[in-house]
């Protein structure tokens, strides 16, 4: 049993050190988009589906206005591809 204790005494600190190295995440810096990033991330952490649904609806309305009646053809094309 002393061999097992000796092994644990050597391996555990090394594993703990590696875990702490992997767990450290440096602060994110997005350049000029930094303020937008820091405002958007809390909403994405709390309710990501609300943000995703908002952008999906906005993109759908924009595509409908931009493509007009060919929007249905575009949607059918995407359905066939997937």
PDB file of N, CA and C in Angstrom:
ATOM      1  N   UNK A   1       0.812  -1.199   0.000  1.00  0.00           N
ATOM      2  CA  UNK A   1       0.000   0.000   0.000  1.00  0.00           C
ATOM      3  C   UNK A   1       0.856   1.264   0.000  1.00  0.00           C
ATOM      4  N   UNK A   2       2.051   1.178   0.458  1.00  0.00           N
ATOM      5  CA  UNK A   2       2.892   2.368   0.457  1.00  0.00           C
ATOM      6  C   UNK A   2       3.243   2.783  -0.971  1.00  0.00           C
ATOM      7  N   UNK A   3       3.320   1.829  -1.881  1.00  0.00           N
ATOM      8  CA  UNK A   3       3.603   2.160  -3.271  1.00  0.00           C
ATOM      9  C   UNK A   3       2.452   2.945  -3.866  1.00  0.00           C
ATOM     10  N   UNK A   4       1.221   2.546  -3.547  1.00  0.00           N
ATOM     11  CA  UNK A   4       0.042   3.252  -4.045  1.00  0.00           C
ATOM     12  C   UNK A   4      -0.010   4.670  -3.476  1.00  0.00           C
ATOM     13  N   UNK A   5       0.281   4.822  -2.212  1.00  0.00           N
ATOM     14  CA  UNK A   5       0.289   6.148  -1.598  1.00  0.00           C
ATOM     15  C   UNK A   5       1.383   7.011  -2.198  1.00  0.00           C
ATOM     16  N   UNK A   6       2.519   6.408  -2.464  1.00  0.00           N
ATOM     17  CA  UNK A   6       3.620   7.141  -3.059  1.00  0.00           C
ATOM     18  C   UNK A   6       3.264   7.582  -4.478  1.00  0.00           C
ATOM     19  N   UNK A   7       2.592   6.694  -5.200  1.00  0.00           N
ATOM     20  CA  UNK A   7       2.173   7.024  -6.558  1.00  0.00           C
ATOM     21  C   UNK A   7       1.159   8.163  -6.541  1.00  0.00           C
ATOM     22  N   UNK A   8       0.203   8.090  -5.629  1.00  0.00           N
ATOM     23  CA  UNK A   8      -0.795   9.159  -5.510  1.00  0.00           C
ATOM     24  C   UNK A   8      -0.133  10.480  -5.139  1.00  0.00           C
ATOM     25  N   UNK A   9       0.848  10.421  -4.277  1.00  0.00           N
ATOM     26  CA  UNK A   9       1.536  11.639  -3.845  1.00  0.00           C
ATOM     27  C   UNK A   9       2.299  12.289  -4.997  1.00  0.00           C
ATOM     28  N   UNK A  10       2.729  11.501  -5.973  1.00  0.00           N
ATOM     29  CA  UNK A  10       3.444  12.057  -7.115  1.00  0.00           C
ATOM     30  C   UNK A  10       2.503  12.464  -8.247  1.00  0.00           C
ATOM     31  N   UNK A  11       1.485  11.659  -8.496  1.00  0.00           N
ATOM     32  CA  UNK A  11       0.628  11.882  -9.660  1.00  0.00           C
ATOM     33  C   UNK A  11      -0.422  12.959  -9.400  1.00  0.00           C
ATOM     34  N   UNK A  12      -1.039  12.934  -8.236  1.00  0.00           N
ATOM     35  CA  UNK A  12      -2.126  13.872  -7.966  1.00  0.00           C
ATOM     36  C   UNK A  12      -1.713  15.340  -8.101  1.00  0.00           C
ATOM     37  N   UNK A  13      -0.599  15.778  -7.530  1.00  0.00           N
ATOM     38  CA  UNK A  13      -0.209  17.182  -7.722  1.00  0.00           C
ATOM     39  C   UNK A  13       0.038  17.543  -9.188  1.00  0.00           C
ATOM     40  N   UNK A  14       0.601  16.603  -9.946  1.00  0.00           N
ATOM     41  CA  UNK A  14       0.841  16.875 -11.365  1.00  0.00           C
ATOM     42  C   UNK A  14      -0.483  17.005 -12.121  1.00  0.00           C
ATOM     43  N   UNK A  15      -1.431  16.129 -11.825  1.00  0.00           N
ATOM     44  CA  UNK A  15      -2.742  16.212 -12.465  1.00  0.00           C
ATOM     45  C   UNK A  15      -3.472  17.490 -12.067  1.00  0.00           C
ATOM     46  N   UNK A  16      -3.362  17.857 -10.801  1.00  0.00           N
ATOM     47  CA  UNK A  16      -4.023  19.077 -10.322  1.00  0.00           C
ATOM     48  C   UNK A  16      -3.434  20.315 -11.011  1.00  0.00           C
ATOM     49  N   UNK A  17      -2.124  20.333 -11.183  1.00  0.00           N
ATOM     50  CA  UNK A  17      -1.472  21.455 -11.854  1.00  0.00           C
ATOM     51  C   UNK A  17      -1.944  21.544 -13.311  1.00  0.00           C
ATOM     52  N   UNK A  18      -2.047  20.401 -13.975  1.00  0.00           N
ATOM     53  CA  UNK A  18      -2.496  20.370 -15.363  1.00  0.00           C
ATOM     54  C   UNK A  18      -3.957  20.825 -15.461  1.00  0.00           C
ATOM     55  N   UNK A  19      -4.782  20.410 -14.501  1.00  0.00           N
ATOM     56  CA  UNK A  19      -6.182  20.814 -14.495  1.00  0.00           C
ATOM     57  C   UNK A  19      -6.310  22.329 -14.348  1.00  0.00           C
ATOM     58  N   UNK A  20      -5.523  22.912 -13.490  1.00  0.00           N
ATOM     59  CA  UNK A  20      -5.571  24.362 -13.308  1.00  0.00           C
ATOM     60  C   UNK A  20      -5.096  25.093 -14.555  1.00  0.00           C
ATOM     61  N   UNK A  21      -4.119  24.526 -15.267  1.00  0.00           N
ATOM     62  CA  UNK A  21      -3.662  25.139 -16.510  1.00  0.00           C
ATOM     63  C   UNK A  21      -4.761  25.110 -17.565  1.00  0.00           C
ATOM     64  N   UNK A  22      -5.467  24.011 -17.657  1.00  0.00           N
ATOM     65  CA  UNK A  22      -6.518  23.865 -18.657  1.00  0.00           C
ATOM     66  C   UNK A  22      -7.768  24.663 -18.312  1.00  0.00           C
ATOM     67  N   UNK A  23      -8.009  24.869 -17.026  1.00  0.00           N
ATOM     68  CA  UNK A  23      -9.222  25.558 -16.596  1.00  0.00           C
ATOM     69  C   UNK A  23      -9.115  27.072 -16.724  1.00  0.00           C
ATOM     70  N   UNK A  24      -7.929  27.607 -16.878  1.00  0.00           N
ATOM     71  CA  UNK A  24      -7.766  29.055 -16.975  1.00  0.00           C
ATOM     72  C   UNK A  24      -8.159  29.533 -18.370  1.00  0.00           C
ATOM     73  N   UNK A  25      -9.089  30.448 -18.436  1.00  0.00           N
ATOM     74  CA  UNK A  25      -9.516  31.034 -19.706  1.00  0.00           C
ATOM     75  C   UNK A  25      -9.226  32.528 -19.620  1.00  0.00           C
ATOM     76  N   UNK A  26      -8.387  33.033 -20.498  1.00  0.00           N
ATOM     77  CA  UNK A  26      -8.071  34.464 -20.445  1.00  0.00           C
ATOM     78  C   UNK A  26      -9.278  35.301 -20.862  1.00  0.00           C
ATOM     79  N   UNK A  27      -9.340  36.558 -20.431  1.00  0.00           N
ATOM     80  CA  UNK A  27     -10.451  37.425 -20.816  1.00  0.00           C
ATOM     81  C   UNK A  27     -10.508  37.591 -22.337  1.00  0.00           C
ATOM     82  N   UNK A  28     -11.721  37.663 -22.841  1.00  0.00           N
ATOM     83  CA  UNK A  28     -11.914  37.805 -24.282  1.00  0.00           C
ATOM     84  C   UNK A  28     -11.759  39.262 -24.694  1.00  0.00           C
ATOM     85  N   UNK A  29     -11.055  39.499 -25.781  1.00  0.00           N
ATOM     86  CA  UNK A  29     -10.919  40.837 -26.327  1.00  0.00           C
ATOM     87  C   UNK A  29     -11.274  40.769 -27.804  1.00  0.00           C
ATOM     88  N   UNK A  30     -12.292  41.504 -28.212  1.00  0.00           N
ATOM     89  CA  UNK A  30     -12.815  41.422 -29.568  1.00  0.00           C
ATOM     90  C   UNK A  30     -12.508  42.674 -30.388  1.00  0.00           C
ATOM     91  N   UNK A  31     -11.539  43.446 -29.977  1.00  0.00           N
ATOM     92  CA  UNK A  31     -11.190  44.653 -30.715  1.00  0.00           C
ATOM     93  C   UNK A  31     -12.279  45.704 -30.600  1.00  0.00           C
ATOM     94  N   UNK A  32     -12.688  46.263 -31.737  1.00  0.00           N
ATOM     95  CA  UNK A  32     -13.699  47.325 -31.685  1.00  0.00           C
ATOM     96  C   UNK A  32     -15.095  46.786 -31.394  1.00  0.00           C
ATOM     97  N   UNK A  33     -15.286  45.464 -31.463  1.00  0.00           N
ATOM     98  CA  UNK A  33     -16.571  44.856 -31.135  1.00  0.00           C
ATOM     99  C   UNK A  33     -16.659  44.455 -29.664  1.00  0.00           C
ATOM    100  N   UNK A  34     -15.682  44.856 -28.864  1.00  0.00           N
ATOM    101  CA  UNK A  34     -15.601  44.448 -27.462  1.00  0.00           C
ATOM    102  C   UNK A  34     -16.832  44.865 -26.658  1.00  0.00           C
ATOM    103  N   UNK A  35     -17.281  46.096 -26.805  1.00  0.00           N
ATOM    104  CA  UNK A  35     -18.441  46.541 -26.022  1.00  0.00           C
ATOM    105  C   UNK A  35     -19.701  45.795 -26.441  1.00  0.00           C
ATOM    106  N   UNK A  36     -19.875  45.561 -27.730  1.00  0.00           N
ATOM    107  CA  UNK A  36     -21.031  44.791 -28.210  1.00  0.00           C
ATOM    108  C   UNK A  36     -20.972  43.358 -27.695  1.00  0.00           C
ATOM    109  N   UNK A  37     -19.792  42.769 -27.725  1.00  0.00           N
ATOM    110  CA  UNK A  37     -19.593  41.404 -27.233  1.00  0.00           C
ATOM    111  C   UNK A  37     -19.969  41.294 -25.754  1.00  0.00           C
ATOM    112  N   UNK A  38     -19.510  42.235 -24.949  1.00  0.00           N
ATOM    113  CA  UNK A  38     -19.779  42.189 -23.510  1.00  0.00           C
ATOM    114  C   UNK A  38     -21.236  42.475 -23.183  1.00  0.00           C
ATOM    115  N   UNK A  39     -21.949  43.177 -24.062  1.00  0.00           N
ATOM    116  CA  UNK A  39     -23.382  43.384 -23.842  1.00  0.00           C
ATOM    117  C   UNK A  39     -24.204  42.193 -24.294  1.00  0.00           C
ATOM    118  N   UNK A  40     -23.771  41.480 -25.328  1.00  0.00           N
ATOM    119  CA  UNK A  40     -24.531  40.372 -25.886  1.00  0.00           C
ATOM    120  C   UNK A  40     -24.348  39.073 -25.110  1.00  0.00           C
ATOM    121  N   UNK A  41     -23.163  38.814 -24.604  1.00  0.00           N
ATOM    122  CA  UNK A  41     -22.858  37.542 -23.951  1.00  0.00           C
ATOM    123  C   UNK A  41     -23.754  37.250 -22.743  1.00  0.00           C
ATOM    124  N   UNK A  42     -24.042  38.208 -21.839  1.00  0.00           N
ATOM    125  CA  UNK A  42     -24.931  37.866 -20.718  1.00  0.00           C
ATOM    126  C   UNK A  42     -26.315  37.389 -21.170  1.00  0.00           C
ATOM    127  N   UNK A  43     -26.858  37.969 -22.235  1.00  0.00           N
ATOM    128  CA  UNK A  43     -28.146  37.501 -22.741  1.00  0.00           C
ATOM    129  C   UNK A  43     -28.036  36.090 -23.305  1.00  0.00           C
ATOM    130  N   UNK A  44     -26.927  35.808 -23.955  1.00  0.00           N
ATOM    131  CA  UNK A  44     -26.728  34.475 -24.517  1.00  0.00           C
ATOM    132  C   UNK A  44     -26.557  33.425 -23.418  1.00  0.00           C
ATOM    133  N   UNK A  45     -26.008  33.815 -22.283  1.00  0.00           N
ATOM    134  CA  UNK A  45     -25.844  32.868 -21.186  1.00  0.00           C
ATOM    135  C   UNK A  45     -27.166  32.589 -20.489  1.00  0.00           C
ATOM    136  N   UNK A  46     -28.017  33.600 -20.365  1.00  0.00           N
ATOM    137  CA  UNK A  46     -29.283  33.451 -19.636  1.00  0.00           C
ATOM    138  C   UNK A  46     -30.366  32.843 -20.515  1.00  0.00           C
ATOM    139  N   UNK A  47     -30.565  33.397 -21.706  1.00  0.00           N
ATOM    140  CA  UNK A  47     -31.649  32.946 -22.577  1.00  0.00           C
ATOM    141  C   UNK A  47     -31.180  32.939 -24.032  1.00  0.00           C
ATOM    142  N   UNK A  48     -30.408  31.947 -24.419  1.00  0.00           N
ATOM    143  CA  UNK A  48     -29.877  31.944 -25.781  1.00  0.00           C
ATOM    144  C   UNK A  48     -30.954  31.805 -26.852  1.00  0.00           C
ATOM    145  N   UNK A  49     -32.045  31.099 -26.555  1.00  0.00           N
ATOM    146  CA  UNK A  49     -33.071  30.886 -27.573  1.00  0.00           C
ATOM    147  C   UNK A  49     -33.788  32.175 -27.941  1.00  0.00           C
ATOM    148  N   UNK A  50     -33.931  33.076 -26.985  1.00  0.00           N
ATOM    149  CA  UNK A  50     -34.565  34.358 -27.308  1.00  0.00           C
ATOM    150  C   UNK A  50     -33.727  35.148 -28.294  1.00  0.00           C
ATOM    151  N   UNK A  51     -32.430  35.171 -28.077  1.00  0.00           N
ATOM    152  CA  UNK A  51     -31.537  35.918 -28.974  1.00  0.00           C
ATOM    153  C   UNK A  51     -31.491  35.254 -30.343  1.00  0.00           C
ATOM    154  N   UNK A  52     -31.380  33.931 -30.366  1.00  0.00           N
ATOM    155  CA  UNK A  52     -31.324  33.212 -31.640  1.00  0.00           C
ATOM    156  C   UNK A  52     -32.641  33.368 -32.398  1.00  0.00           C
ATOM    157  N   UNK A  53     -33.760  33.267 -31.701  1.00  0.00           N
ATOM    158  CA  UNK A  53     -35.057  33.421 -32.357  1.00  0.00           C
ATOM    159  C   UNK A  53     -35.220  34.823 -32.933  1.00  0.00           C
ATOM    160  N   UNK A  54     -34.784  35.834 -32.206  1.00  0.00           N
ATOM    161  CA  UNK A  54     -34.873  37.211 -32.694  1.00  0.00           C
ATOM    162  C   UNK A  54     -34.107  37.371 -33.998  1.00  0.00           C
ATOM    163  N   UNK A  55     -32.859  36.896 -34.040  1.00  0.00           N
ATOM    164  CA  UNK A  55     -32.040  37.044 -35.240  1.00  0.00           C
ATOM    165  C   UNK A  55     -32.570  36.182 -36.381  1.00  0.00           C
ATOM    166  N   UNK A  56     -33.142  35.014 -36.072  1.00  0.00           N
ATOM    167  CA  UNK A  56     -33.703  34.160 -37.123  1.00  0.00           C
ATOM    168  C   UNK A  56     -34.920  34.828 -37.764  1.00  0.00           C
ATOM    169  N   UNK A  57     -35.788  35.412 -36.940  1.00  0.00           N
ATOM    170  CA  UNK A  57     -36.963  36.104 -37.473  1.00  0.00           C
ATOM    171  C   UNK A  57     -36.533  37.318 -38.281  1.00  0.00           C
ATOM    172  N   UNK A  58     -35.579  38.064 -37.764  1.00  0.00           N
ATOM    173  CA  UNK A  58     -35.084  39.233 -38.489  1.00  0.00           C
ATOM    174  C   UNK A  58     -34.476  38.840 -39.843  1.00  0.00           C
ATOM    175  N   UNK A  59     -33.701  37.762 -39.878  1.00  0.00           N
ATOM    176  CA  UNK A  59     -33.107  37.295 -41.132  1.00  0.00           C
ATOM    177  C   UNK A  59     -34.186  36.822 -42.104  1.00  0.00           C
ATOM    178  N   UNK A  60     -35.217  36.156 -41.595  1.00  0.00           N
ATOM    179  CA  UNK A  60     -36.304  35.688 -42.452  1.00  0.00           C
ATOM    180  C   UNK A  60     -37.050  36.850 -43.088  1.00  0.00           C
ATOM    181  N   UNK A  61     -37.367  37.857 -42.288  1.00  0.00           N
ATOM    182  CA  UNK A  61     -38.067  39.035 -42.818  1.00  0.00           C
ATOM    183  C   UNK A  61     -37.187  39.752 -43.842  1.00  0.00           C
ATOM    184  N   UNK A  62     -35.921  39.889 -43.554  1.00  0.00           N
ATOM    185  CA  UNK A  62     -35.010  40.554 -44.484  1.00  0.00           C
ATOM    186  C   UNK A  62     -34.917  39.783 -45.804  1.00  0.00           C
ATOM    187  N   UNK A  63     -34.768  38.460 -45.722  1.00  0.00           N
ATOM    188  CA  UNK A  63     -34.695  37.664 -46.946  1.00  0.00           C
ATOM    189  C   UNK A  63     -35.987  37.726 -47.740  1.00  0.00           C
ATOM    190  N   UNK A  64     -37.127  37.746 -47.056  1.00  0.00           N
ATOM    191  CA  UNK A  64     -38.420  37.846 -47.747  1.00  0.00           C
ATOM    192  C   UNK A  64     -38.533  39.175 -48.478  1.00  0.00           C
ATOM    193  N   UNK A  65     -38.084  40.247 -47.832  1.00  0.00           N
ATOM    194  CA  UNK A  65     -38.128  41.551 -48.487  1.00  0.00           C
ATOM    195  C   UNK A  65     -37.116  41.648 -49.623  1.00  0.00           C
ATOM    196  N   UNK A  66     -35.955  41.054 -49.445  1.00  0.00           N
ATOM    197  CA  UNK A  66     -34.901  41.154 -50.454  1.00  0.00           C
ATOM    198  C   UNK A  66     -35.169  40.255 -51.658  1.00  0.00           C
ATOM    199  N   UNK A  67     -35.654  39.053 -51.421  1.00  0.00           N
ATOM    200  CA  UNK A  67     -35.841  38.099 -52.515  1.00  0.00           C
ATOM    201  C   UNK A  67     -37.253  38.112 -53.093  1.00  0.00           C
ATOM    202  N   UNK A  68     -38.190  38.643 -52.362  1.00  0.00           N
ATOM    203  CA  UNK A  68     -39.571  38.703 -52.853  1.00  0.00           C
ATOM    204  C   UNK A  68     -40.171  37.319 -52.993  1.00  0.00           C
ATOM    205  N   UNK A  69     -40.805  37.071 -54.138  1.00  0.00           N
ATOM    206  CA  UNK A  69     -41.492  35.792 -54.338  1.00  0.00           C
ATOM    207  C   UNK A  69     -40.523  34.634 -54.534  1.00  0.00           C
ATOM    208  N   UNK A  70     -39.285  34.918 -54.878  1.00  0.00           N
ATOM    209  CA  UNK A  70     -38.315  33.829 -55.043  1.00  0.00           C
ATOM    210  C   UNK A  70     -37.825  33.288 -53.702  1.00  0.00           C
ATOM    211  N   UNK A  71     -38.288  33.879 -52.607  1.00  0.00           N
ATOM    212  CA  UNK A  71     -37.914  33.389 -51.279  1.00  0.00           C
ATOM    213  C   UNK A  71     -38.416  31.969 -51.065  1.00  0.00           C
ATOM    214  N   UNK A  72     -39.627  31.659 -51.561  1.00  0.00           N
ATOM    215  CA  UNK A  72     -40.169  30.306 -51.436  1.00  0.00           C
ATOM    216  C   UNK A  72     -39.323  29.313 -52.216  1.00  0.00           C
ATOM    217  N   UNK A  73     -38.861  29.704 -53.390  1.00  0.00           N
ATOM    218  CA  UNK A  73     -37.989  28.824 -54.187  1.00  0.00           C
ATOM    219  C   UNK A  73     -36.657  28.598 -53.474  1.00  0.00           C
ATOM    220  N   UNK A  74     -36.143  29.642 -52.870  1.00  0.00           N
ATOM    221  CA  UNK A  74     -34.887  29.540 -52.121  1.00  0.00           C
ATOM    222  C   UNK A  74     -35.053  28.595 -50.928  1.00  0.00           C
ATOM    223  N   UNK A  75     -36.172  28.701 -50.219  1.00  0.00           N
ATOM    224  CA  UNK A  75     -36.433  27.817 -49.077  1.00  0.00           C
ATOM    225  C   UNK A  75     -36.563  26.370 -49.539  1.00  0.00           C
ATOM    226  N   UNK A  76     -37.237  26.142 -50.672  1.00  0.00           N
ATOM    227  CA  UNK A  76     -37.369  24.785 -51.214  1.00  0.00           C
ATOM    228  C   UNK A  76     -36.002  24.223 -51.604  1.00  0.00           C
ATOM    229  N   UNK A  77     -35.179  25.052 -52.193  1.00  0.00           N
ATOM    230  CA  UNK A  77     -33.828  24.626 -52.556  1.00  0.00           C
ATOM    231  C   UNK A  77     -33.031  24.197 -51.323  1.00  0.00           C
ATOM    232  N   UNK A  78     -33.129  24.969 -50.259  1.00  0.00           N
ATOM    233  CA  UNK A  78     -32.435  24.611 -49.023  1.00  0.00           C
ATOM    234  C   UNK A  78     -32.985  23.324 -48.423  1.00  0.00           C
ATOM    235  N   UNK A  79     -34.290  23.110 -48.509  1.00  0.00           N
ATOM    236  CA  UNK A  79     -34.874  21.880 -47.982  1.00  0.00           C
ATOM    237  C   UNK A  79     -34.396  20.655 -48.751  1.00  0.00           C
ATOM    238  N   UNK A  80     -34.248  20.775 -50.053  1.00  0.00           N
ATOM    239  CA  UNK A  80     -33.768  19.658 -50.866  1.00  0.00           C
ATOM    240  C   UNK A  80     -32.298  19.358 -50.573  1.00  0.00           C
ATOM    241  N   UNK A  81     -31.537  20.391 -50.285  1.00  0.00           N
ATOM    242  CA  UNK A  81     -30.103  20.206 -50.047  1.00  0.00           C
ATOM    243  C   UNK A  81     -29.829  19.502 -48.727  1.00  0.00           C
ATOM    244  N   UNK A  82     -30.699  19.694 -47.742  1.00  0.00           N
ATOM    245  CA  UNK A  82     -30.478  19.076 -46.445  1.00  0.00           C
ATOM    246  C   UNK A  82     -31.434  17.943 -46.256  1.00  0.00           C
TER     247      UNK A  82
END
